[in-house]
Protein backbone atom coordinates (compact mmCIF):
# COMPACT_ATOMS: atom_id res chain seq x y z
CA MET A 1 -57.55 -31.61 -94.85
CA ARG A 2 -61.00 -32.90 -94.37
CA LYS A 3 -61.63 -36.40 -92.97
CA TRP A 4 -64.55 -38.58 -92.32
CA LEU A 5 -63.48 -38.86 -88.75
CA VAL A 6 -63.18 -36.37 -85.80
CA SER A 7 -59.92 -34.73 -85.90
CA PHE A 8 -57.70 -34.37 -82.62
CA ALA A 9 -56.70 -30.82 -82.29
CA LEU A 10 -54.39 -31.53 -79.44
CA LEU A 11 -52.42 -33.92 -81.52
CA VAL A 12 -51.80 -32.19 -84.90
CA CYS A 13 -48.50 -33.33 -86.16
CA SER A 14 -48.13 -30.77 -88.71
CA SER A 15 -47.37 -28.84 -87.50
CA VAL A 16 -47.74 -26.77 -86.19
CA LEU A 17 -45.40 -26.03 -82.42
CA TRP A 18 -44.56 -24.13 -79.51
CA GLY A 19 -41.79 -21.44 -80.22
CA GLU A 20 -38.46 -22.19 -78.44
CA GLU A 21 -36.70 -19.56 -76.38
CA VAL A 22 -33.00 -19.65 -76.07
CA ALA A 23 -31.42 -17.92 -73.24
CA VAL A 24 -27.78 -16.84 -74.27
CA THR A 25 -26.00 -14.63 -71.69
CA ASP A 26 -22.32 -13.32 -71.49
CA GLU A 27 -21.62 -15.88 -68.78
CA SER A 28 -22.54 -18.70 -71.24
CA LEU A 29 -19.56 -17.86 -73.41
CA PRO A 30 -16.33 -19.95 -72.95
CA ARG A 31 -14.06 -18.79 -70.02
CA LEU A 32 -10.68 -17.92 -71.18
CA PRO A 33 -7.57 -16.62 -69.26
CA ASN A 34 -7.66 -12.81 -69.30
CA PRO A 35 -5.72 -11.81 -72.63
CA THR A 36 -2.90 -9.43 -72.28
CA PRO A 37 -3.88 -5.96 -73.01
CA PHE A 38 -3.10 -4.56 -76.13
CA GLN A 39 -2.82 -0.96 -77.60
CA GLN A 40 -5.55 1.34 -77.74
CA GLU A 41 -4.64 2.01 -81.22
CA VAL A 42 -3.76 -0.53 -83.68
CA LEU A 43 -2.27 0.65 -86.84
CA VAL A 44 -0.83 -1.11 -89.67
CA SER A 45 -0.11 1.36 -92.84
CA LYS A 46 -0.51 -1.58 -95.26
CA CYS A 47 -1.48 -5.16 -94.20
CA ARG A 48 -0.23 -7.90 -96.39
CA GLY A 49 -1.54 -10.71 -94.33
CA LEU A 50 -4.01 -12.08 -91.68
CA ILE A 51 -3.52 -15.09 -89.28
CA LEU A 52 -6.45 -16.81 -87.38
CA VAL A 53 -5.18 -19.13 -84.70
CA GLY A 54 -7.37 -21.44 -82.35
CA LYS A 55 -5.06 -21.10 -79.62
CA GLN A 56 -2.93 -18.27 -78.18
CA SER A 57 -0.06 -20.68 -78.05
CA GLU A 58 -0.09 -20.90 -81.77
CA LEU A 59 0.84 -17.34 -82.48
CA LEU A 60 3.71 -17.06 -84.77
CA SER A 61 7.12 -15.41 -84.01
CA ALA A 62 8.33 -12.22 -85.94
CA ARG A 63 10.64 -14.43 -88.04
CA GLU A 64 7.76 -16.89 -88.99
CA LEU A 65 5.71 -13.81 -90.27
CA ARG A 66 8.14 -12.63 -92.85
CA ASN A 67 6.59 -15.08 -95.58
CA VAL A 68 2.92 -14.72 -94.75
CA GLU A 69 0.75 -13.38 -97.50
CA GLY A 70 -3.07 -13.19 -97.45
CA LEU A 71 -5.06 -15.27 -94.98
CA ARG A 72 -3.50 -18.20 -92.98
CA VAL A 73 -5.48 -20.30 -90.74
CA ILE A 74 -3.72 -22.36 -87.83
CA ASP A 75 -5.35 -24.90 -85.56
CA LEU A 76 -8.71 -23.77 -86.22
CA ASP A 77 -11.96 -25.25 -87.89
CA VAL A 78 -13.48 -22.96 -90.39
CA PRO A 79 -17.07 -23.89 -91.30
CA GLY A 80 -17.58 -23.62 -95.04
CA GLY A 81 -13.72 -23.59 -95.79
CA GLU A 82 -11.04 -20.97 -95.64
CA GLU A 83 -11.60 -19.53 -99.02
CA ARG A 84 -15.16 -18.58 -98.27
CA LEU A 85 -13.94 -16.76 -95.13
CA ASP A 86 -11.14 -15.00 -96.79
CA LYS A 87 -13.73 -13.65 -99.43
CA LYS A 88 -15.43 -11.94 -96.70
CA LEU A 89 -12.15 -10.51 -94.93
CA ARG A 90 -9.94 -9.81 -97.68
CA PRO A 91 -11.41 -6.39 -98.67
CA LEU A 92 -11.16 -5.29 -95.12
CA TYR A 93 -7.28 -6.28 -94.63
CA LEU A 94 -5.49 -6.88 -97.75
CA ASN A 95 -3.32 -3.96 -98.76
CA GLN A 96 -5.47 -1.83 -96.24
CA ALA A 97 -4.49 0.48 -93.44
CA ILE A 98 -5.54 -1.16 -90.18
CA THR A 99 -7.31 1.25 -87.67
CA ARG A 100 -8.95 0.45 -84.57
CA PRO A 101 -12.33 0.67 -86.28
CA SER A 102 -11.34 -1.39 -89.01
CA LEU A 103 -9.96 -4.01 -86.76
CA GLU A 104 -13.38 -4.11 -84.75
CA GLU A 105 -15.02 -4.62 -88.29
CA ILE A 106 -12.81 -7.64 -89.18
CA GLN A 107 -13.78 -9.10 -85.68
CA ASP A 108 -17.26 -8.61 -86.26
CA THR A 109 -17.13 -10.20 -89.69
CA ILE A 110 -15.66 -13.21 -88.09
CA ARG A 111 -18.19 -13.50 -85.51
CA ASP A 112 -20.93 -13.07 -88.08
CA TYR A 113 -19.37 -15.83 -90.25
CA TYR A 114 -19.59 -18.29 -87.68
CA ARG A 115 -23.02 -17.40 -86.62
CA GLY A 116 -24.12 -17.77 -90.15
CA TYR A 117 -23.08 -21.42 -89.84
CA HIS A 118 -24.97 -21.67 -86.54
CA ARG A 119 -21.90 -21.65 -84.51
CA PRO A 120 -22.16 -18.56 -82.33
CA PHE A 121 -19.91 -19.64 -79.31
CA ILE A 122 -16.64 -17.97 -80.20
CA ILE A 123 -14.34 -15.40 -78.95
CA VAL A 124 -12.29 -13.20 -81.18
CA GLU A 125 -9.36 -11.58 -79.49
CA VAL A 126 -6.46 -9.49 -80.89
CA PRO A 127 -3.36 -10.20 -78.58
CA GLU A 128 -0.52 -7.65 -77.95
CA GLN A 129 1.82 -8.15 -80.88
CA ASP A 130 4.47 -6.76 -83.17
CA VAL A 131 2.89 -5.70 -86.56
CA THR A 132 5.91 -3.81 -88.03
CA ASP A 133 5.90 -6.58 -90.80
CA GLY A 134 2.34 -5.77 -91.94
CA VAL A 135 0.79 -9.01 -90.55
CA LEU A 136 -2.11 -9.22 -88.06
CA GLN A 137 -2.81 -12.15 -85.81
CA ILE A 138 -6.10 -12.83 -84.31
CA VAL A 139 -7.07 -15.69 -81.80
CA VAL A 140 -10.43 -17.18 -82.63
CA PHE A 141 -11.49 -19.45 -79.72
CA GLU A 142 -14.64 -21.63 -80.31
CA SER A 143 -16.18 -23.26 -77.20
CA GLN A 144 -16.76 -26.96 -77.23
CA LEU A 145 -19.75 -28.71 -75.32
CA GLY A 146 -18.92 -29.40 -71.71
CA LYS A 147 -21.87 -31.57 -70.54
CA VAL A 148 -25.51 -31.91 -71.22
CA GLU A 149 -27.86 -31.64 -68.25
CA ILE A 150 -31.69 -32.37 -68.20
CA GLN A 151 -33.67 -30.50 -65.60
CA GLY A 152 -37.45 -30.20 -64.56
CA ASN A 153 -38.68 -33.37 -66.05
CA THR A 154 -41.02 -35.40 -64.00
CA TRP A 155 -42.89 -37.68 -66.29
CA THR A 156 -40.27 -37.67 -69.02
CA SER A 157 -37.40 -40.13 -69.21
CA THR A 158 -34.01 -38.35 -68.93
CA LYS A 159 -32.30 -40.89 -71.18
CA ARG A 160 -34.75 -40.40 -73.84
CA MET A 161 -34.32 -36.71 -74.02
CA GLU A 162 -30.58 -37.19 -74.03
CA ASN A 163 -31.18 -39.35 -77.01
CA TYR A 164 -33.33 -36.69 -78.87
CA LEU A 165 -30.18 -34.43 -78.47
CA HIS A 166 -27.49 -34.80 -81.04
CA LEU A 167 -24.79 -33.81 -78.75
CA ASP A 168 -21.47 -35.46 -77.97
CA PRO A 169 -19.06 -33.79 -75.36
CA GLY A 170 -16.20 -32.16 -76.85
CA GLN A 171 -17.68 -31.28 -80.11
CA MET A 172 -18.44 -27.78 -81.25
CA ILE A 173 -21.83 -26.77 -80.74
CA ASN A 174 -24.18 -26.24 -83.94
CA GLN A 175 -27.10 -24.14 -82.88
CA GLN A 176 -29.31 -24.83 -85.59
CA SER A 177 -28.95 -28.83 -85.06
CA LEU A 178 -29.71 -28.22 -81.34
CA LEU A 179 -32.69 -25.93 -82.06
CA SER A 180 -33.84 -28.78 -84.61
CA ASP A 181 -33.73 -31.21 -81.81
CA LEU A 182 -35.56 -29.03 -79.30
CA ASP A 183 -38.31 -28.49 -82.14
CA PHE A 184 -38.57 -32.21 -82.33
CA ILE A 185 -38.81 -32.60 -78.47
CA ASN A 186 -41.57 -30.08 -78.40
CA ARG A 187 -43.83 -31.82 -80.67
CA ASN A 188 -45.34 -33.71 -77.80
CA PRO A 189 -48.19 -31.62 -76.41
CA PHE A 190 -47.83 -32.84 -72.75
CA ARG A 191 -44.35 -30.97 -72.42
CA ARG A 192 -42.44 -27.85 -73.11
CA ALA A 193 -38.80 -27.77 -73.36
CA ASP A 194 -36.26 -24.92 -73.66
CA ILE A 195 -32.43 -24.66 -73.89
CA ILE A 196 -30.26 -22.69 -71.68
CA TYR A 197 -26.52 -22.21 -72.32
CA ALA A 198 -23.92 -22.07 -69.11
CA PRO A 199 -20.25 -22.04 -68.78
CA GLY A 200 -18.65 -25.22 -68.37
CA GLU A 201 -16.69 -26.32 -65.75
CA LYS A 202 -13.55 -26.61 -67.90
CA GLU A 203 -12.18 -23.55 -69.49
CA GLY A 204 -13.49 -23.19 -73.13
CA THR A 205 -16.53 -25.31 -72.68
CA THR A 206 -20.38 -24.47 -72.53
CA ASP A 207 -22.64 -26.80 -70.94
CA VAL A 208 -26.19 -27.18 -72.44
CA ILE A 209 -29.14 -27.40 -70.04
CA LEU A 210 -32.48 -28.70 -71.37
CA HIS A 211 -35.29 -27.46 -69.10
CA VAL A 212 -38.33 -29.65 -69.35
CA ASP A 213 -41.71 -28.60 -68.10
CA ASP A 214 -43.85 -31.57 -68.46
CA ARG A 215 -47.16 -32.73 -67.15
CA ARG A 216 -48.83 -36.11 -66.56
CA PRO A 217 -48.95 -37.81 -69.90
CA TYR A 218 -52.61 -38.69 -70.00
CA ARG A 219 -55.86 -36.72 -70.42
CA PHE A 220 -59.66 -37.61 -70.08
CA TYR A 221 -62.17 -35.47 -71.51
CA ALA A 222 -65.87 -35.13 -72.44
CA GLY A 223 -67.85 -32.25 -74.00
CA ALA A 224 -70.70 -31.42 -76.31
CA GLU A 225 -70.99 -29.32 -79.70
CA ASN A 226 -73.31 -28.65 -82.54
CA THR A 227 -70.98 -29.69 -85.49
CA GLY A 228 -73.45 -32.15 -86.87
CA VAL A 229 -75.53 -31.89 -90.18
CA PRO A 230 -79.45 -31.61 -89.51
CA THR A 231 -80.13 -34.95 -90.84
CA THR A 232 -78.43 -36.71 -87.97
CA ASP A 233 -78.95 -33.90 -85.46
CA ARG A 234 -76.62 -30.90 -85.18
CA GLN A 235 -76.09 -31.57 -81.34
CA ARG A 236 -73.49 -34.11 -80.48
CA TRP A 237 -71.51 -35.26 -77.35
CA PHE A 238 -68.13 -36.78 -77.20
CA ALA A 239 -65.70 -38.29 -74.82
CA GLY A 240 -62.21 -39.63 -75.09
CA PHE A 241 -58.52 -39.72 -73.67
CA ASN A 242 -54.97 -39.01 -74.96
CA TRP A 243 -51.94 -40.93 -73.70
CA GLY A 244 -48.78 -39.07 -74.36
CA ASN A 245 -46.23 -41.52 -73.38
CA VAL A 246 -47.34 -44.98 -74.43
CA PHE A 247 -45.47 -47.88 -72.77
CA GLY A 248 -42.88 -45.22 -71.95
CA LEU A 249 -41.90 -44.89 -75.57
CA ASP A 250 -42.78 -41.27 -75.97
CA HIS A 251 -45.60 -42.18 -78.38
CA ILE A 252 -49.01 -40.76 -78.39
CA PHE A 253 -52.35 -42.64 -78.65
CA ALA A 254 -55.64 -40.98 -78.67
CA TYR A 255 -59.36 -42.10 -78.59
CA GLN A 256 -62.78 -40.37 -79.07
CA TYR A 257 -66.31 -41.46 -79.08
CA THR A 258 -68.79 -39.21 -80.64
CA ALA A 259 -72.55 -39.48 -81.12
CA SER A 260 -75.74 -37.23 -81.46
CA TYR A 261 -77.99 -36.94 -78.48
CA ASP A 262 -80.05 -39.74 -80.14
CA VAL A 263 -77.13 -42.22 -80.47
CA ASP A 264 -79.30 -44.30 -83.01
CA LYS A 265 -78.84 -41.46 -85.54
CA PHE A 266 -75.06 -40.99 -85.40
CA GLN A 267 -72.23 -42.52 -83.49
CA SER A 268 -68.48 -42.93 -84.25
CA HIS A 269 -65.19 -44.34 -82.69
CA THR A 270 -61.70 -42.79 -83.94
CA GLY A 271 -58.18 -43.29 -82.81
CA GLN A 272 -54.81 -42.02 -83.51
CA TYR A 273 -51.26 -43.12 -82.90
CA ILE A 274 -48.19 -40.98 -83.18
CA ALA A 275 -44.77 -42.37 -83.03
CA PRO A 276 -41.63 -40.17 -83.32
CA LEU A 277 -38.78 -42.04 -84.81
CA PRO A 278 -35.14 -42.12 -83.77
CA TRP A 279 -33.91 -40.28 -86.88
CA HIS A 280 -36.36 -37.47 -86.01
CA HIS A 281 -39.25 -38.49 -88.53
CA VAL A 282 -42.74 -39.09 -87.43
CA PHE A 283 -45.32 -41.75 -88.29
CA ASP A 284 -48.96 -40.97 -87.73
CA VAL A 285 -51.79 -43.55 -88.44
CA TYR A 286 -55.38 -42.84 -87.54
CA GLY A 287 -58.73 -44.48 -88.45
CA GLY A 288 -62.23 -45.32 -87.11
CA ALA A 289 -65.67 -46.11 -88.08
CA SER A 290 -69.04 -44.45 -87.84
CA TRP A 291 -72.80 -45.44 -88.21
CA VAL A 292 -75.84 -43.57 -89.22
CA HIS A 293 -79.66 -44.21 -89.30
CA LEU A 294 -82.34 -42.16 -90.78
CA ASP A 295 -86.15 -42.53 -90.71
CA LEU A 296 -87.00 -42.54 -94.25
CA ASP A 297 -90.43 -42.09 -95.88
CA GLU A 298 -89.65 -45.11 -98.20
CA PRO A 299 -89.66 -48.17 -96.09
CA SER A 300 -87.89 -50.07 -98.88
CA MET A 301 -84.97 -47.89 -98.91
CA ASP A 302 -81.99 -48.84 -96.69
CA SER A 303 -81.66 -46.27 -93.80
CA HIS A 304 -78.73 -47.60 -92.18
CA GLY A 305 -75.18 -46.44 -93.28
CA PHE A 306 -71.55 -46.93 -92.12
CA SER A 307 -68.13 -45.39 -93.02
CA SER A 308 -64.66 -46.48 -92.05
CA GLN A 309 -61.23 -45.06 -92.71
CA LEU A 310 -57.50 -46.03 -92.09
CA SER A 311 -55.02 -43.40 -92.85
CA GLY A 312 -51.10 -43.24 -92.58
CA ARG A 313 -48.78 -40.23 -92.80
CA TYR A 314 -45.08 -40.22 -92.81
CA VAL A 315 -43.86 -36.94 -91.58
CA ILE A 316 -40.40 -35.39 -92.41
CA PRO A 317 -39.65 -32.30 -90.51
CA PHE A 318 -37.30 -29.67 -91.85
CA PHE A 319 -35.82 -27.08 -89.49
CA LEU A 320 -34.35 -24.05 -91.37
CA GLY A 321 -33.80 -21.68 -88.42
CA LEU A 322 -34.94 -20.14 -85.54
CA TYR A 323 -38.14 -18.76 -87.18
CA LEU A 324 -38.91 -21.07 -90.21
CA ARG A 325 -40.06 -24.66 -89.80
CA GLN A 326 -41.18 -26.86 -92.71
CA GLU A 327 -42.38 -30.42 -93.23
CA CYS A 328 -43.16 -32.81 -95.99
CA VAL A 329 -45.79 -35.55 -95.52
CA ILE A 330 -46.26 -38.62 -97.44
CA GLY A 331 -49.43 -40.60 -96.84
CA PHE A 332 -52.35 -42.99 -98.01
CA ASP A 333 -56.01 -43.04 -97.18
CA TRP A 334 -58.45 -45.91 -97.43
CA LYS A 335 -62.06 -45.28 -96.92
CA ARG A 336 -64.96 -47.30 -97.20
CA THR A 337 -68.67 -46.18 -97.10
CA ASN A 338 -72.32 -46.67 -98.38
CA ASN A 339 -73.66 -43.24 -97.79
CA THR A 340 -73.31 -39.50 -97.88
CA ILE A 341 -75.27 -38.67 -94.75
CA GLU A 342 -72.41 -37.15 -92.73
CA PHE A 343 -71.26 -34.83 -95.35
CA THR A 344 -74.37 -33.27 -97.10
CA ASP A 345 -77.91 -32.37 -95.79
CA ASP A 346 -79.19 -31.65 -99.30
CA PHE A 347 -79.62 -34.99 -100.98
CA PRO A 348 -78.76 -37.61 -98.28
CA THR A 349 -77.95 -40.75 -100.29
CA PHE A 350 -77.57 -44.35 -99.34
CA GLY A 351 -75.61 -46.39 -102.30
CA LYS A 352 -73.38 -49.22 -102.81
CA ASN A 353 -70.31 -50.16 -100.82
CA VAL A 354 -67.42 -48.19 -102.08
CA ASN A 355 -63.61 -48.47 -101.51
CA LEU A 356 -61.97 -45.01 -101.77
CA THR A 357 -58.12 -45.11 -101.97
CA GLN A 358 -55.77 -42.23 -102.61
CA PHE A 359 -52.14 -41.12 -102.18
CA VAL A 360 -51.41 -37.71 -100.38
CA PHE A 361 -48.39 -35.61 -100.55
CA THR A 362 -48.29 -32.50 -98.35
CA TYR A 363 -45.72 -29.56 -97.87
CA ALA A 364 -46.44 -27.37 -94.88
CA GLY A 365 -44.64 -24.96 -92.62
CA SER A 366 -44.85 -21.94 -90.61
CA TYR A 367 -42.65 -18.54 -90.12
CA GLU A 368 -43.05 -16.63 -86.92
CA ARG A 369 -41.60 -13.43 -85.73
CA ASN A 370 -42.35 -11.34 -82.56
CA ALA A 371 -45.12 -9.39 -84.31
CA TYR A 372 -46.67 -11.98 -86.57
CA ARG A 373 -46.90 -15.67 -87.63
CA LEU A 374 -47.54 -17.22 -91.06
CA ASP A 375 -48.84 -20.78 -91.48
CA PHE A 376 -49.25 -22.47 -94.89
CA GLU A 377 -49.98 -25.95 -96.29
CA GLY A 378 -50.53 -27.58 -99.84
CA SER A 379 -51.81 -31.14 -100.22
CA PHE A 380 -52.07 -33.02 -103.43
CA TYR A 381 -54.54 -36.03 -103.54
CA TRP A 382 -54.15 -38.52 -106.27
CA SER A 383 -56.05 -41.74 -106.87
CA PRO A 384 -55.00 -43.71 -109.98
CA GLY A 385 -58.18 -45.65 -110.56
CA ARG A 386 -59.63 -49.20 -109.62
CA TRP A 387 -57.16 -51.52 -107.93
CA VAL A 388 -59.26 -53.21 -105.15
CA SER A 389 -62.82 -54.43 -105.04
CA ASP A 390 -66.09 -52.22 -104.91
CA GLN A 391 -64.18 -49.33 -106.85
CA THR A 392 -65.94 -49.39 -110.28
CA ASP A 393 -66.99 -46.01 -111.62
CA ALA A 394 -70.62 -47.27 -111.14
CA ASP A 395 -69.90 -47.77 -107.53
CA PHE A 396 -68.81 -44.19 -107.05
CA GLU A 397 -71.79 -42.77 -109.24
CA SER A 398 -74.21 -44.57 -106.77
CA LEU A 399 -73.12 -42.03 -104.05
CA ARG A 400 -72.22 -39.02 -106.31
CA PRO A 401 -73.54 -38.96 -110.14
CA GLY A 402 -70.75 -38.21 -112.46
CA ALA A 403 -67.95 -39.35 -109.67
CA LYS A 404 -65.00 -41.43 -111.09
CA ASN A 405 -62.74 -43.93 -109.30
CA HIS A 406 -59.59 -41.87 -110.55
CA TRP A 407 -59.16 -38.10 -109.56
CA VAL A 408 -56.61 -35.66 -108.72
CA TYR A 409 -57.11 -32.70 -106.56
CA PHE A 410 -55.09 -29.95 -104.83
CA LEU A 411 -55.87 -28.50 -101.27
CA ALA A 412 -54.11 -25.26 -99.93
CA SER A 413 -54.36 -23.05 -97.03
CA PHE A 414 -52.67 -19.79 -95.67
CA SER A 415 -53.19 -18.10 -92.51
CA TYR A 416 -51.54 -14.96 -90.98
CA LEU A 417 -51.73 -13.62 -87.40
CA GLN A 418 -50.85 -10.19 -86.92
CA ARG A 419 -50.19 -8.98 -83.21
CA LEU A 420 -51.59 -5.38 -82.56
CA PRO A 421 -51.06 -2.96 -80.03
CA LYS A 422 -52.63 -3.48 -76.55
CA SER A 423 -52.52 -7.32 -77.34
CA PHE A 424 -55.23 -7.22 -79.98
CA SER A 425 -54.62 -9.44 -82.89
CA LEU A 426 -55.86 -9.95 -86.48
CA PHE A 427 -56.32 -13.36 -87.94
CA LEU A 428 -56.60 -14.04 -91.78
CA LEU A 429 -57.25 -17.23 -93.42
CA ALA A 430 -57.39 -18.44 -96.98
CA GLU A 431 -58.19 -21.89 -98.30
CA GLY A 432 -58.84 -23.27 -101.56
CA GLN A 433 -59.31 -26.50 -103.69
CA LEU A 434 -59.14 -27.44 -107.34
CA SER A 435 -60.33 -30.82 -108.67
CA SER A 436 -60.22 -32.68 -111.86
CA GLN A 437 -63.21 -34.61 -111.30
CA ASN A 438 -66.53 -35.02 -109.41
CA LEU A 439 -65.61 -36.19 -106.07
CA LEU A 440 -67.37 -37.98 -103.28
CA PRO A 441 -68.78 -35.71 -100.54
CA SER A 442 -65.98 -36.65 -98.27
CA GLU A 443 -63.17 -35.13 -100.39
CA GLN A 444 -65.43 -32.21 -101.54
CA PHE A 445 -64.78 -28.82 -100.21
CA GLY A 446 -67.16 -28.18 -97.41
CA LEU A 447 -68.41 -24.63 -96.76
CA GLY A 448 -70.58 -23.85 -93.52
CA GLY A 449 -70.38 -24.20 -89.90
CA TYR A 450 -67.89 -23.03 -87.00
CA ASP A 451 -64.67 -23.82 -89.13
CA THR A 452 -65.57 -22.34 -92.37
CA VAL A 453 -68.51 -19.89 -92.64
CA ARG A 454 -70.48 -19.21 -89.50
CA GLY A 455 -74.14 -18.64 -89.54
CA TYR A 456 -74.68 -21.50 -91.76
CA ASN A 457 -75.30 -25.45 -91.27
CA GLN A 458 -72.26 -27.59 -91.29
CA ARG A 459 -71.25 -28.31 -94.75
CA GLU A 460 -74.01 -26.25 -96.12
CA VAL A 461 -72.48 -26.26 -99.56
CA SER A 462 -70.13 -29.04 -100.60
CA THR A 463 -68.48 -28.70 -104.03
CA GLU A 464 -65.24 -29.92 -105.86
CA ASN A 465 -63.68 -26.66 -106.19
CA GLY A 466 -64.08 -23.94 -103.63
CA LEU A 467 -62.62 -20.96 -101.81
CA LEU A 468 -62.75 -19.89 -98.11
CA LEU A 469 -61.64 -16.28 -96.88
CA SER A 470 -62.05 -15.49 -93.21
CA GLY A 471 -60.89 -12.65 -91.03
CA GLU A 472 -61.10 -11.98 -87.28
CA VAL A 473 -60.22 -9.50 -84.78
CA ARG A 474 -59.32 -10.54 -81.63
CA SER A 475 -59.19 -9.05 -78.22
CA PRO A 476 -56.60 -9.39 -75.54
CA ALA A 477 -56.80 -12.60 -73.54
CA LEU A 478 -58.26 -11.50 -70.10
CA PRO A 479 -58.27 -13.23 -66.92
CA LEU A 480 -61.61 -13.91 -65.54
CA PHE A 481 -61.12 -15.61 -62.14
CA SER A 482 -57.12 -15.88 -62.13
CA ASN A 483 -56.88 -12.73 -59.94
CA ILE A 484 -58.69 -14.16 -57.24
CA LYS A 485 -56.17 -14.91 -54.53
CA ARG A 486 -57.01 -18.66 -53.63
CA MET A 487 -57.54 -19.37 -57.50
CA LYS A 488 -54.44 -21.58 -58.50
CA GLN A 489 -55.40 -22.17 -62.01
CA VAL A 490 -54.97 -19.65 -64.86
CA ASP A 491 -57.83 -18.66 -66.93
CA ALA A 492 -58.50 -16.36 -69.94
CA ILE A 493 -61.58 -15.15 -71.85
CA GLN A 494 -61.28 -13.69 -75.33
CA PHE A 495 -63.84 -11.81 -77.63
CA LEU A 496 -63.62 -11.64 -81.41
CA ALA A 497 -65.46 -10.39 -84.42
CA PHE A 498 -65.41 -12.32 -87.68
CA LEU A 499 -66.20 -12.27 -91.24
CA ASP A 500 -66.41 -15.38 -93.29
CA TYR A 501 -66.82 -15.76 -97.17
CA GLY A 502 -67.12 -19.19 -99.11
CA TYR A 503 -67.32 -19.67 -102.70
CA GLY A 504 -68.18 -23.34 -104.10
CA ARG A 505 -68.31 -24.40 -107.66
CA TYR A 506 -69.20 -27.91 -108.75
CA LYS A 507 -66.83 -29.58 -111.38
CA LYS A 508 -69.90 -30.87 -113.26
CA THR A 509 -73.54 -29.91 -112.31
CA LEU A 510 -76.38 -32.15 -111.95
CA PRO A 511 -79.82 -31.07 -113.06
CA PHE A 512 -80.78 -29.99 -109.58
CA GLU A 513 -77.55 -28.34 -108.63
CA THR A 514 -76.55 -24.71 -108.99
CA LYS A 515 -73.16 -24.46 -110.60
CA ASN A 516 -71.64 -21.56 -108.25
CA GLN A 517 -72.88 -20.82 -104.69
CA TYR A 518 -71.41 -18.58 -102.23
CA LEU A 519 -72.06 -18.05 -98.37
CA LEU A 520 -71.33 -14.87 -96.38
CA GLY A 521 -71.43 -14.66 -92.45
CA ILE A 522 -70.67 -12.18 -89.99
CA GLY A 523 -70.75 -12.00 -86.36
CA PRO A 524 -69.15 -11.94 -82.73
CA GLY A 525 -67.54 -14.79 -80.91
CA ILE A 526 -66.03 -15.58 -77.39
CA ARG A 527 -63.42 -18.00 -76.43
CA TYR A 528 -62.67 -19.15 -72.65
CA THR A 529 -60.07 -21.59 -71.12
CA LEU A 530 -59.44 -22.53 -67.70
CA GLU A 531 -56.05 -24.43 -67.93
CA PRO A 532 -55.94 -27.58 -68.07
CA TYR A 533 -59.80 -28.39 -67.16
CA PHE A 534 -62.09 -26.55 -69.25
CA THR A 535 -62.30 -24.76 -72.76
CA ALA A 536 -65.36 -23.21 -74.47
CA ARG A 537 -66.13 -21.45 -77.73
CA LEU A 538 -69.28 -19.55 -78.96
CA ASP A 539 -69.78 -17.88 -82.18
CA TRP A 540 -73.18 -16.28 -83.36
CA GLY A 541 -73.18 -16.04 -87.08
CA ILE A 542 -75.49 -13.69 -89.11
CA LYS A 543 -76.22 -14.72 -92.70
CA LEU A 544 -75.35 -12.13 -95.07
CA HIS A 545 -76.39 -14.19 -98.07
CA LYS A 546 -79.86 -15.88 -97.74
CA GLU A 547 -81.45 -18.54 -99.96
CA ALA A 548 -84.49 -20.80 -99.09
CA ARG A 549 -82.28 -23.82 -99.25
CA TYR A 550 -80.13 -22.66 -96.59
CA GLY A 551 -81.55 -23.80 -93.21
CA GLY A 552 -81.34 -22.44 -89.65
CA GLY A 553 -82.92 -19.10 -89.97
CA ASN A 554 -81.22 -15.59 -90.37
CA THR A 555 -78.62 -16.44 -87.40
CA MET A 556 -77.00 -19.43 -86.16
CA VAL A 557 -75.00 -20.26 -82.75
CA HIS A 558 -72.07 -22.53 -83.16
CA PHE A 559 -70.70 -23.78 -79.65
CA ALA A 560 -68.49 -26.42 -78.09
CA VAL A 561 -67.66 -27.14 -74.48
CA THR A 562 -64.96 -29.40 -73.23
CA GLY A 563 -64.10 -30.51 -69.62
CA SER A 564 -60.86 -32.52 -69.08
CA TYR A 565 -58.72 -34.09 -66.38
């Protein structure tokens, strides 16, 4: 999703998120009195009934067993209903001969059934009993929550962490609900939390321990990069801060100032505020303003431009299991500008003041296993037309001929990370956009630069419709200084090789535009981090497709360095 503003990589809501680790050991299971030993061989020639009880004291007497047919449940909460469980068990017991292997299969089926409803804390035991009547009794004991304990937190409120967990002592533990709470807690980049299960003080209970590894909830940083367009100079410097616990509310605020080395050419202020809500939704608002100034050959032309933006996003996360995370986002953008300088270098334009408004609907998610990770996102942008001032078709055409005040476009991305032997990895990325109208440059699909096709200027090509394909082979992350005995910080250096391809197609071409354009770049890159004080990236892009209009020579270096505290 492209913005007019500098994005905050540290604060991206969508997701994306640390994977949780849940430690479950045999000791975490509820403690029960040792069951009385039962026969090594349990054999029922023809089983006509199965009884599941929640307590050993609820076992039926021989006289009470005479009228039992099929499945009977006593003092036991069965998720999904007894009929659904019986459909799983009936082929295993009804009118069947029960042997030791088949008995173990019945027990495993009950355990798997409860796990399927995210309630894994059960003990399934077969007590010593008389089975001459053809009825088998099984004790299914489900652990209840003992107590919740918060450990390790230094900067995070214990009370707030407890409020994030939807747990009440004495209730059954729903693992999916608990992991969903954990996932929400870990949206804050200033902490990492994990769940540990431990045996409770009382018999039949399990304690939940939330271990929090947090750090001071503020960060100051400054750095330099070459992500600008040549018109305002590629080289830029920036400085800002992040506050990860605003007024003790667990909200996040970020601010950044960015400028070209000659601040008169370009400078911007951007801010973002993220508020996690009690019902586990997120409200995200961001905005800012920027100014540009060019020395034009025509003194009569206005050479000063501005842009401003205010956007809001309402994020609804969906936790669908240990591996799959999804979220829906509803948002709105307001943007105001009188130039296209920040987004294109071919034909920089100063025009009328234009108000751009649009609704945004996004679906995003990720799926991660040990060997790979998938991330996907699709966003639908819709502007219904004029409803505020400075929003006529003529206003839009002053900045982009053929642009209208109403449009629909769809932007999608898909990335895949494959972990390879020896800690190597393969990263693949595909992005694309389709539009119904000519768009202002801020909404066009930009190609060129460190984040799309390396070896070319930032946004060398900007079109309404486009496709980006990128692949990287990455080396293991290797320590550079961490092996030094007195070195307390952890550092890592990583090497990569990349191949980037971008294709752009204008919706309606202008006389000076080429309908279809493509970029192709290849080269090596390097990444370095010294936690939490320094990060750097460097990519050397080599153009494989050259045209006279593409600036920067045959190769181009893309870099960024950031120091933080």
